[in-house]
Amino acid sequence: MNNRHHHSKKDFQVERLVFFSDAVFAIAITLLVIDLKVPSLHGLQATEQVFIDKLLGLTPVFLGFCVSFFIIGLYWFIHHRMFGFVTEYSAKLIWLNLLFLFSIVLMPFSTSVYSEYSAPEYIHLIVPYLIYVLNICLTGILNYALWNFIGSPANGLADEFPGDFIRKAKIRALVLPVVFMLSLIVSIFNPIAGRFVLFLTPLAMSLVRNKKGNSQGKDNRYKF
């Protein structure tokens, strides 16, 4: 009975960690939309063309919102899958997860900076994009650290992973940071071309895709 109670309490603590993380993701992804403001025609001639021009002026902000929305969504999906393997918890895991969530809640701010200075007259500025890229890199590195910590048998936080699953998961964790850093470097010479580098992300992800399940080939948790 005591052993059953211990396992029940342990599972509850892991669930609390996951629920808290989900709440942080939900808040961060919601805050992104704050920068999408209704176009104002105050002091301007109220015509369809003026409204359309004001609406088109929001394009950089909307694109920044879309990019960050899907990035946060991707990291939520990865985090959800990652903690599906966790059977134990430790103080170090909690702190490492908090640091990861710290990088997530920074994303609405860095996205706002990036979006505000992505208009044609500002796109040559590197520092606003640098702030955004550093945020993405921090998130990716901390995601890598979580996989490394959870995937280590010495820490006893999860069941043993098959084959090279953890190695590929850690490589995938670094794909976004590498692509964004490459985008930043190219942007120094050509801001427009630098942004198009981001389209390499799906290709880079597919190169380290894990298409096999576990040793029995039935567990979809091992497919990404």
C-alpha atoms as a PDB file:
ATOM      1  CA  MET A   1       0.000   0.000   0.000  1.00  0.00           C
ATOM      2  CA  ASN A   2       2.821   2.405   0.925  1.00  0.00           C
ATOM      3  CA  ASN A   3       4.632   1.591  -2.313  1.00  0.00           C
ATOM      4  CA  ARG A   4       1.468   2.239  -4.313  1.00  0.00           C
ATOM      5  CA  HIS A   5       0.951   5.548  -2.486  1.00  0.00           C
ATOM      6  CA  HIS A   6       4.564   6.529  -3.213  1.00  0.00           C
ATOM      7  CA  HIS A   7       4.148   5.884  -6.951  1.00  0.00           C
ATOM      8  CA  SER A   8       0.831   7.728  -7.017  1.00  0.00           C
ATOM      9  CA  LYS A   9       2.344  10.759  -5.311  1.00  0.00           C
ATOM     10  CA  LYS A  10       5.362  10.674  -7.635  1.00  0.00           C
ATOM     11  CA  ASP A  11       3.133  10.558 -10.722  1.00  0.00           C
ATOM     12  CA  PHE A  12       1.119  13.471  -9.351  1.00  0.00           C
ATOM     13  CA  GLN A  13       4.286  15.572  -8.931  1.00  0.00           C
ATOM     14  CA  VAL A  14       5.342  14.869 -12.511  1.00  0.00           C
ATOM     15  CA  GLU A  15       1.845  15.809 -13.695  1.00  0.00           C
ATOM     16  CA  ARG A  16       2.047  19.107 -11.757  1.00  0.00           C
ATOM     17  CA  LEU A  17       5.292  19.892 -13.561  1.00  0.00           C
ATOM     18  CA  VAL A  18       3.659  19.196 -16.925  1.00  0.00           C
ATOM     19  CA  PHE A  19       0.473  21.159 -16.115  1.00  0.00           C
ATOM     20  CA  PHE A  20       2.503  24.176 -15.020  1.00  0.00           C
ATOM     21  CA  SER A  21       4.564  23.995 -18.228  1.00  0.00           C
ATOM     22  CA  ASP A  22       1.421  23.764 -20.358  1.00  0.00           C
ATOM     23  CA  ALA A  23       0.048  26.884 -18.658  1.00  0.00           C
ATOM     24  CA  VAL A  24       3.243  28.812 -19.409  1.00  0.00           C
ATOM     25  CA  PHE A  25       3.130  27.760 -23.059  1.00  0.00           C
ATOM     26  CA  ALA A  26      -0.526  28.781 -23.292  1.00  0.00           C
ATOM     27  CA  ILE A  27       0.144  32.224 -21.796  1.00  0.00           C
ATOM     28  CA  ALA A  28       3.203  32.841 -23.993  1.00  0.00           C
ATOM     29  CA  ILE A  29       1.426  31.872 -27.198  1.00  0.00           C
ATOM     30  CA  THR A  30      -1.556  34.069 -26.244  1.00  0.00           C
ATOM     31  CA  LEU A  31       0.610  37.111 -25.491  1.00  0.00           C
ATOM     32  CA  LEU A  32       1.913  36.997 -29.069  1.00  0.00           C
ATOM     33  CA  VAL A  33      -1.393  38.305 -30.383  1.00  0.00           C
ATOM     34  CA  ILE A  34      -1.217  41.521 -28.328  1.00  0.00           C
ATOM     35  CA  ASP A  35       0.879  43.208 -31.019  1.00  0.00           C
ATOM     36  CA  LEU A  36      -1.850  42.588 -33.609  1.00  0.00           C
ATOM     37  CA  LYS A  37      -3.793  45.799 -33.208  1.00  0.00           C
ATOM     38  CA  VAL A  38      -6.786  46.952 -35.234  1.00  0.00           C
ATOM     39  CA  PRO A  39      -5.700  49.557 -37.844  1.00  0.00           C
ATOM     40  CA  SER A  40      -6.705  53.075 -36.838  1.00  0.00           C
ATOM     41  CA  LEU A  41      -7.871  55.682 -39.352  1.00  0.00           C
ATOM     42  CA  HIS A  42      -7.878  58.484 -36.786  1.00  0.00           C
ATOM     43  CA  GLY A  43      -6.892  61.719 -38.501  1.00  0.00           C
ATOM     44  CA  LEU A  44      -6.856  60.043 -41.922  1.00  0.00           C
ATOM     45  CA  GLN A  45      -9.317  60.025 -44.794  1.00  0.00           C
ATOM     46  CA  ALA A  46     -11.706  57.103 -44.293  1.00  0.00           C
ATOM     47  CA  THR A  47     -11.376  55.311 -47.621  1.00  0.00           C
ATOM     48  CA  GLU A  48     -10.977  51.652 -48.534  1.00  0.00           C
ATOM     49  CA  GLN A  49      -7.483  52.261 -49.909  1.00  0.00           C
ATOM     50  CA  VAL A  50      -6.277  54.003 -46.757  1.00  0.00           C
ATOM     51  CA  PHE A  51      -7.637  51.146 -44.641  1.00  0.00           C
ATOM     52  CA  ILE A  52      -5.958  48.552 -46.878  1.00  0.00           C
ATOM     53  CA  ASP A  53      -2.664  50.454 -46.685  1.00  0.00           C
ATOM     54  CA  LYS A  54      -2.864  50.530 -42.895  1.00  0.00           C
ATOM     55  CA  LEU A  55      -3.725  46.832 -42.859  1.00  0.00           C
ATOM     56  CA  LEU A  56      -0.782  45.967 -45.107  1.00  0.00           C
ATOM     57  CA  GLY A  57       1.415  47.948 -42.748  1.00  0.00           C
ATOM     58  CA  LEU A  58       0.747  45.214 -40.184  1.00  0.00           C
ATOM     59  CA  THR A  59       2.291  42.538 -42.426  1.00  0.00           C
ATOM     60  CA  PRO A  60       5.670  42.385 -40.598  1.00  0.00           C
ATOM     61  CA  VAL A  61       3.891  42.106 -37.245  1.00  0.00           C
ATOM     62  CA  PHE A  62       1.566  39.386 -38.550  1.00  0.00           C
ATOM     63  CA  LEU A  63       4.450  37.408 -40.054  1.00  0.00           C
ATOM     64  CA  GLY A  64       6.390  37.659 -36.787  1.00  0.00           C
ATOM     65  CA  PHE A  65       3.290  36.442 -34.947  1.00  0.00           C
ATOM     66  CA  CYS A  66       2.903  33.461 -37.303  1.00  0.00           C
ATOM     67  CA  VAL A  67       6.562  32.422 -37.060  1.00  0.00           C
ATOM     68  CA  SER A  68       6.636  32.608 -33.265  1.00  0.00           C
ATOM     69  CA  PHE A  69       3.213  30.990 -32.895  1.00  0.00           C
ATOM     70  CA  PHE A  70       4.379  27.903 -34.742  1.00  0.00           C
ATOM     71  CA  ILE A  71       7.779  27.884 -33.012  1.00  0.00           C
ATOM     72  CA  ILE A  72       6.164  27.977 -29.561  1.00  0.00           C
ATOM     73  CA  GLY A  73       3.647  25.379 -30.747  1.00  0.00           C
ATOM     74  CA  LEU A  74       6.501  23.171 -31.970  1.00  0.00           C
ATOM     75  CA  TYR A  75       8.320  23.431 -28.639  1.00  0.00           C
ATOM     76  CA  TRP A  76       5.105  22.660 -26.775  1.00  0.00           C
ATOM     77  CA  PHE A  77       4.696  19.531 -28.902  1.00  0.00           C
ATOM     78  CA  ILE A  78       8.319  18.514 -28.244  1.00  0.00           C
ATOM     79  CA  HIS A  79       7.943  19.216 -24.517  1.00  0.00           C
ATOM     80  CA  HIS A  80       4.697  17.217 -24.421  1.00  0.00           C
ATOM     81  CA  ARG A  81       6.399  14.264 -26.112  1.00  0.00           C
ATOM     82  CA  MET A  82       9.533  14.565 -23.976  1.00  0.00           C
ATOM     83  CA  PHE A  83       7.656  14.444 -20.667  1.00  0.00           C
ATOM     84  CA  GLY A  84       5.647  11.498 -21.922  1.00  0.00           C
ATOM     85  CA  PHE A  85       8.775   9.471 -21.150  1.00  0.00           C
ATOM     86  CA  VAL A  86       9.425  10.942 -17.703  1.00  0.00           C
ATOM     87  CA  THR A  87       8.665   8.582 -14.824  1.00  0.00           C
ATOM     88  CA  GLU A  88      10.692  10.340 -12.116  1.00  0.00           C
ATOM     89  CA  TYR A  89      11.545  13.910 -11.256  1.00  0.00           C
ATOM     90  CA  SER A  90      14.355  15.727  -9.472  1.00  0.00           C
ATOM     91  CA  ALA A  91      15.177  19.256  -8.346  1.00  0.00           C
ATOM     92  CA  LYS A  92      17.608  19.612 -11.249  1.00  0.00           C
ATOM     93  CA  LEU A  93      14.914  18.620 -13.742  1.00  0.00           C
ATOM     94  CA  ILE A  94      12.533  21.205 -12.260  1.00  0.00           C
ATOM     95  CA  TRP A  95      15.119  23.996 -12.494  1.00  0.00           C
ATOM     96  CA  LEU A  96      16.179  22.994 -15.994  1.00  0.00           C
ATOM     97  CA  ASN A  97      12.539  22.998 -17.061  1.00  0.00           C
ATOM     98  CA  LEU A  98      12.048  26.449 -15.499  1.00  0.00           C
ATOM     99  CA  LEU A  99      14.994  27.813 -17.473  1.00  0.00           C
ATOM    100  CA  PHE A 100      13.501  26.356 -20.635  1.00  0.00           C
ATOM    101  CA  LEU A 101      10.143  27.989 -19.849  1.00  0.00           C
ATOM    102  CA  PHE A 102      11.982  31.273 -19.164  1.00  0.00           C
ATOM    103  CA  SER A 103      13.158  31.263 -22.776  1.00  0.00           C
ATOM    104  CA  ILE A 104       9.590  30.559 -23.919  1.00  0.00           C
ATOM    105  CA  VAL A 105       8.033  33.493 -22.019  1.00  0.00           C
ATOM    106  CA  LEU A 106      10.699  35.796 -23.484  1.00  0.00           C
ATOM    107  CA  MET A 107       9.472  35.026 -26.985  1.00  0.00           C
ATOM    108  CA  PRO A 108       6.538  37.485 -27.066  1.00  0.00           C
ATOM    109  CA  PHE A 109       8.998  40.295 -26.248  1.00  0.00           C
ATOM    110  CA  SER A 110      11.676  39.240 -28.740  1.00  0.00           C
ATOM    111  CA  THR A 111       8.983  38.687 -31.371  1.00  0.00           C
ATOM    112  CA  SER A 112       7.660  42.198 -30.769  1.00  0.00           C
ATOM    113  CA  VAL A 113      11.137  43.670 -31.229  1.00  0.00           C
ATOM    114  CA  TYR A 114      11.730  41.602 -34.368  1.00  0.00           C
ATOM    115  CA  SER A 115       8.322  42.428 -35.868  1.00  0.00           C
ATOM    116  CA  GLU A 116       8.532  46.143 -35.122  1.00  0.00           C
ATOM    117  CA  TYR A 117      11.805  46.421 -37.034  1.00  0.00           C
ATOM    118  CA  SER A 118      11.010  44.091 -39.944  1.00  0.00           C
ATOM    119  CA  ALA A 119       9.338  46.796 -42.002  1.00  0.00           C
ATOM    120  CA  PRO A 120      11.228  47.680 -45.221  1.00  0.00           C
ATOM    121  CA  GLU A 121      12.693  50.865 -43.738  1.00  0.00           C
ATOM    122  CA  TYR A 122      14.140  48.984 -40.744  1.00  0.00           C
ATOM    123  CA  ILE A 123      14.951  45.533 -42.110  1.00  0.00           C
ATOM    124  CA  HIS A 124      18.631  46.442 -42.537  1.00  0.00           C
ATOM    125  CA  LEU A 125      18.977  46.730 -38.740  1.00  0.00           C
ATOM    126  CA  ILE A 126      20.680  43.626 -37.338  1.00  0.00           C
ATOM    127  CA  VAL A 127      20.279  44.091 -33.566  1.00  0.00           C
ATOM    128  CA  PRO A 128      16.454  43.605 -33.486  1.00  0.00           C
ATOM    129  CA  TYR A 129      16.817  40.352 -35.439  1.00  0.00           C
ATOM    130  CA  LEU A 130      19.786  39.366 -33.276  1.00  0.00           C
ATOM    131  CA  ILE A 131      17.604  39.633 -30.147  1.00  0.00           C
ATOM    132  CA  TYR A 132      15.031  37.316 -31.724  1.00  0.00           C
ATOM    133  CA  VAL A 133      17.648  34.831 -32.951  1.00  0.00           C
ATOM    134  CA  LEU A 134      19.344  34.703 -29.535  1.00  0.00           C
ATOM    135  CA  ASN A 135      15.976  33.899 -27.946  1.00  0.00           C
ATOM    136  CA  ILE A 136      15.438  31.017 -30.408  1.00  0.00           C
ATOM    137  CA  CYS A 137      18.974  29.768 -29.808  1.00  0.00           C
ATOM    138  CA  LEU A 138      18.530  29.864 -26.032  1.00  0.00           C
ATOM    139  CA  THR A 139      15.296  27.872 -26.314  1.00  0.00           C
ATOM    140  CA  GLY A 140      16.912  25.302 -28.593  1.00  0.00           C
ATOM    141  CA  ILE A 141      19.960  24.865 -26.370  1.00  0.00           C
ATOM    142  CA  LEU A 142      17.813  24.414 -23.264  1.00  0.00           C
ATOM    143  CA  ASN A 143      15.648  21.936 -25.170  1.00  0.00           C
ATOM    144  CA  TYR A 144      18.846  20.047 -25.979  1.00  0.00           C
ATOM    145  CA  ALA A 145      19.836  20.143 -22.301  1.00  0.00           C
ATOM    146  CA  LEU A 146      16.454  18.706 -21.274  1.00  0.00           C
ATOM    147  CA  TRP A 147      16.747  15.817 -23.739  1.00  0.00           C
ATOM    148  CA  ASN A 148      20.295  15.184 -22.578  1.00  0.00           C
ATOM    149  CA  PHE A 149      19.310  15.167 -18.908  1.00  0.00           C
ATOM    150  CA  ILE A 150      16.139  13.097 -19.280  1.00  0.00           C
ATOM    151  CA  GLY A 151      17.779  10.692 -21.720  1.00  0.00           C
ATOM    152  CA  SER A 152      20.746   9.891 -19.480  1.00  0.00           C
ATOM    153  CA  PRO A 153      20.251   6.480 -17.786  1.00  0.00           C
ATOM    154  CA  ALA A 154      22.379   7.707 -14.876  1.00  0.00           C
ATOM    155  CA  ASN A 155      19.649  10.182 -13.880  1.00  0.00           C
ATOM    156  CA  GLY A 156      16.928   7.500 -13.735  1.00  0.00           C
ATOM    157  CA  LEU A 157      14.191   9.844 -14.932  1.00  0.00           C
ATOM    158  CA  ALA A 158      12.809   7.735 -17.786  1.00  0.00           C
ATOM    159  CA  ASP A 159      12.769   4.232 -19.148  1.00  0.00           C
ATOM    160  CA  GLU A 160      15.677   3.278 -21.361  1.00  0.00           C
ATOM    161  CA  PHE A 161      15.424   4.722 -24.866  1.00  0.00           C
ATOM    162  CA  PRO A 162      15.957   2.489 -27.900  1.00  0.00           C
ATOM    163  CA  GLY A 163      18.838   2.812 -30.342  1.00  0.00           C
ATOM    164  CA  ASP A 164      19.925   6.320 -31.228  1.00  0.00           C
ATOM    165  CA  PHE A 165      16.613   7.985 -30.337  1.00  0.00           C
ATOM    166  CA  ILE A 166      18.156  10.434 -27.842  1.00  0.00           C
ATOM    167  CA  ARG A 167      21.044  11.265 -30.151  1.00  0.00           C
ATOM    168  CA  LYS A 168      18.631  12.209 -32.933  1.00  0.00           C
ATOM    169  CA  ALA A 169      16.380  14.110 -30.523  1.00  0.00           C
ATOM    170  CA  LYS A 170      19.360  16.198 -29.396  1.00  0.00           C
ATOM    171  CA  ILE A 171      20.411  16.851 -32.986  1.00  0.00           C
ATOM    172  CA  ARG A 172      16.881  18.002 -33.831  1.00  0.00           C
ATOM    173  CA  ALA A 173      16.953  20.289 -30.795  1.00  0.00           C
ATOM    174  CA  LEU A 174      19.856  22.161 -32.388  1.00  0.00           C
ATOM    175  CA  VAL A 175      18.339  22.449 -35.872  1.00  0.00           C
ATOM    176  CA  LEU A 176      16.393  25.659 -35.203  1.00  0.00           C
ATOM    177  CA  PRO A 177      19.322  27.440 -33.470  1.00  0.00           C
ATOM    178  CA  VAL A 178      21.671  26.513 -36.329  1.00  0.00           C
ATOM    179  CA  VAL A 179      19.228  27.605 -39.067  1.00  0.00           C
ATOM    180  CA  PHE A 180      18.430  30.887 -37.284  1.00  0.00           C
ATOM    181  CA  MET A 181      22.116  31.642 -36.726  1.00  0.00           C
ATOM    182  CA  LEU A 182      22.786  30.953 -40.409  1.00  0.00           C
ATOM    183  CA  SER A 183      19.867  33.250 -41.250  1.00  0.00           C
ATOM    184  CA  LEU A 184      21.367  35.982 -39.062  1.00  0.00           C
ATOM    185  CA  ILE A 185      24.774  35.691 -40.738  1.00  0.00           C
ATOM    186  CA  VAL A 186      23.249  35.893 -44.221  1.00  0.00           C
ATOM    187  CA  SER A 187      21.072  38.832 -43.083  1.00  0.00           C
ATOM    188  CA  ILE A 188      24.194  40.854 -42.328  1.00  0.00           C
ATOM    189  CA  PHE A 189      24.929  40.867 -46.060  1.00  0.00           C
ATOM    190  CA  ASN A 190      21.384  40.560 -47.439  1.00  0.00           C
ATOM    191  CA  PRO A 191      18.447  40.935 -45.002  1.00  0.00           C
ATOM    192  CA  ILE A 192      15.851  39.566 -47.424  1.00  0.00           C
ATOM    193  CA  ALA A 193      17.905  36.491 -48.363  1.00  0.00           C
ATOM    194  CA  GLY A 194      18.650  35.946 -44.689  1.00  0.00           C
ATOM    195  CA  ARG A 195      14.967  35.603 -43.869  1.00  0.00           C
ATOM    196  CA  PHE A 196      14.498  33.078 -46.669  1.00  0.00           C
ATOM    197  CA  VAL A 197      17.148  30.863 -45.063  1.00  0.00           C
ATOM    198  CA  LEU A 198      14.490  29.988 -42.459  1.00  0.00           C
ATOM    199  CA  PHE A 199      12.705  27.928 -45.104  1.00  0.00           C
ATOM    200  CA  LEU A 200      15.552  25.415 -44.773  1.00  0.00           C
ATOM    201  CA  THR A 201      14.152  24.353 -41.384  1.00  0.00           C
ATOM    202  CA  PRO A 202      11.764  21.606 -42.639  1.00  0.00           C
ATOM    203  CA  LEU A 203      14.517  20.135 -44.829  1.00  0.00           C
ATOM    204  CA  ALA A 204      17.013  20.135 -41.957  1.00  0.00           C
ATOM    205  CA  MET A 205      14.445  18.550 -39.637  1.00  0.00           C
ATOM    206  CA  SER A 206      13.680  15.802 -42.132  1.00  0.00           C
ATOM    207  CA  LEU A 207      17.335  14.787 -42.290  1.00  0.00           C
ATOM    208  CA  VAL A 208      17.235  13.635 -38.655  1.00  0.00           C
ATOM    209  CA  ARG A 209      13.676  12.335 -38.622  1.00  0.00           C
ATOM    210  CA  ASN A 210      13.136   9.204 -36.558  1.00  0.00           C
ATOM    211  CA  LYS A 211      10.686   7.057 -38.510  1.00  0.00           C
ATOM    212  CA  LYS A 212      11.035   3.913 -36.447  1.00  0.00           C
ATOM    213  CA  GLY A 213       9.158   3.181 -33.272  1.00  0.00           C
ATOM    214  CA  ASN A 214      10.540   1.272 -30.300  1.00  0.00           C
ATOM    215  CA  SER A 215      11.986  -2.228 -30.508  1.00  0.00           C
ATOM    216  CA  GLN A 216       8.478  -3.625 -30.961  1.00  0.00           C
ATOM    217  CA  GLY A 217       7.681  -0.895 -33.488  1.00  0.00           C
ATOM    218  CA  LYS A 218       4.383  -0.043 -31.790  1.00  0.00           C
ATOM    219  CA  ASP A 219       5.090   3.013 -29.630  1.00  0.00           C
ATOM    220  CA  ASN A 220       4.366   6.254 -31.471  1.00  0.00           C
ATOM    221  CA  ARG A 221       6.164   8.259 -28.797  1.00  0.00           C
ATOM    222  CA  TYR A 222       9.432   7.292 -30.456  1.00  0.00           C
ATOM    223  CA  LYS A 223       8.424   8.698 -33.838  1.00  0.00           C
ATOM    224  CA  PHE A 224       9.136  12.347 -34.622  1.00  0.00           C
END
